């Protein structure tokens, strides 16, 4: 409609991370929400490690990125906040 998400120029503020991500996925209007192309970056000033959705793994490898172990799905605490970024593992 006239006042749809695409016409908004002010970022939405949601009550918690879960709702914000759900809105972002809905706004993307993907035909395959289970194939969401999400990236979680803990520090945009030092992008040494980040978490990517499984749907992006092939592209990351093709771009020369090294993939670490799978850490599973994005999780939320009872208050709807994203759980802490997994600690870097040393080999």
Protein backbone atom coordinates (compact mmCIF):
# COMPACT_ATOMS: atom_id res chain seq x y z
CA UNK A 1 0.00 0.00 0.00
CA UNK A 2 0.85 3.67 0.02
CA UNK A 3 2.39 3.45 3.48
CA UNK A 4 4.15 0.11 3.00
CA UNK A 5 7.59 -0.81 4.30
CA UNK A 6 9.33 0.08 1.04
CA UNK A 7 8.19 3.74 1.28
CA UNK A 8 9.48 4.19 4.83
CA UNK A 9 12.49 6.46 5.25
CA UNK A 10 12.75 6.14 9.03
CA UNK A 11 14.17 2.87 10.37
CA UNK A 12 11.76 0.76 12.35
CA UNK A 13 12.47 0.27 16.04
CA UNK A 14 11.14 -2.97 17.45
CA UNK A 15 10.81 -4.11 21.05
CA UNK A 16 13.36 -6.93 20.71
CA UNK A 17 15.79 -8.59 18.32
CA UNK A 18 13.43 -11.43 17.48
CA UNK A 19 10.70 -9.05 16.31
CA UNK A 20 13.19 -6.89 14.39
CA UNK A 21 14.55 -9.89 12.48
CA UNK A 22 11.05 -11.25 11.84
CA UNK A 23 10.04 -7.86 10.37
CA UNK A 24 13.19 -7.71 8.23
CA UNK A 25 12.51 -11.17 6.83
CA UNK A 26 8.90 -10.26 6.16
CA UNK A 27 9.93 -6.99 4.48
CA UNK A 28 12.33 -8.89 2.22
CA UNK A 29 9.28 -10.80 0.96
CA UNK A 30 11.35 -13.85 0.15
CA UNK A 31 9.53 -16.75 -1.46
CA UNK A 32 11.82 -19.01 0.58
CA UNK A 33 12.20 -17.69 4.15
CA UNK A 34 14.10 -20.86 5.08
CA UNK A 35 16.80 -19.69 2.62
CA UNK A 36 17.26 -16.27 4.25
CA UNK A 37 20.55 -14.57 3.39
CA UNK A 38 21.56 -13.32 6.83
CA UNK A 39 24.96 -12.24 8.09
CA UNK A 40 25.78 -11.47 11.72
CA UNK A 41 28.79 -9.20 12.16
CA UNK A 42 29.95 -8.63 15.76
CA UNK A 43 32.19 -5.68 14.92
CA UNK A 44 31.93 -3.89 11.57
CA UNK A 45 35.25 -2.12 12.24
CA UNK A 46 37.05 -5.49 12.43
CA UNK A 47 35.37 -8.02 10.18
CA UNK A 48 37.72 -10.88 10.99
CA UNK A 49 34.93 -13.30 11.83
CA UNK A 50 31.25 -13.29 11.16
CA UNK A 51 28.34 -15.70 11.11
CA UNK A 52 26.57 -16.38 7.84
CA UNK A 53 23.43 -18.31 7.03
CA UNK A 54 23.91 -21.72 5.45
CA UNK A 55 22.32 -20.32 2.29
CA UNK A 56 25.44 -18.13 1.82
CA UNK A 57 28.15 -20.75 2.43
CA UNK A 58 28.71 -21.68 -1.23
CA UNK A 59 29.05 -18.01 -2.21
CA UNK A 60 31.46 -17.36 0.66
CA UNK A 61 33.70 -20.25 -0.37
CA UNK A 62 33.58 -19.11 -4.02
CA UNK A 63 34.67 -15.64 -2.86
CA UNK A 64 37.69 -17.12 -1.09
CA UNK A 65 36.41 -17.09 2.47
CA UNK A 66 37.38 -19.79 4.95
CA UNK A 67 34.45 -21.37 6.73
CA UNK A 68 34.69 -22.41 10.34
CA UNK A 69 32.55 -24.94 12.15
CA UNK A 70 28.78 -24.65 12.12
CA UNK A 71 27.40 -23.00 15.25
CA UNK A 72 23.78 -23.88 14.54
CA UNK A 73 20.78 -21.60 14.13
CA UNK A 74 20.44 -18.05 15.41
CA UNK A 75 19.11 -18.25 18.96
CA UNK A 76 17.29 -15.85 21.23
CA UNK A 77 16.96 -15.56 24.99
CA UNK A 78 13.52 -15.48 26.70
CA UNK A 79 13.41 -11.66 26.34
CA UNK A 80 13.77 -11.95 22.55
CA UNK A 81 17.38 -10.75 22.43
CA UNK A 82 19.94 -12.53 20.25
CA UNK A 83 22.19 -14.71 22.36
CA UNK A 84 25.85 -13.64 22.61
CA UNK A 85 28.13 -14.09 19.62
CA UNK A 86 29.96 -17.43 19.94
CA UNK A 87 33.51 -17.10 21.24
CA UNK A 88 36.23 -17.60 18.68
CA UNK A 89 37.68 -21.08 18.83
CA UNK A 90 41.40 -21.55 18.69
CA UNK A 91 42.85 -24.51 16.80
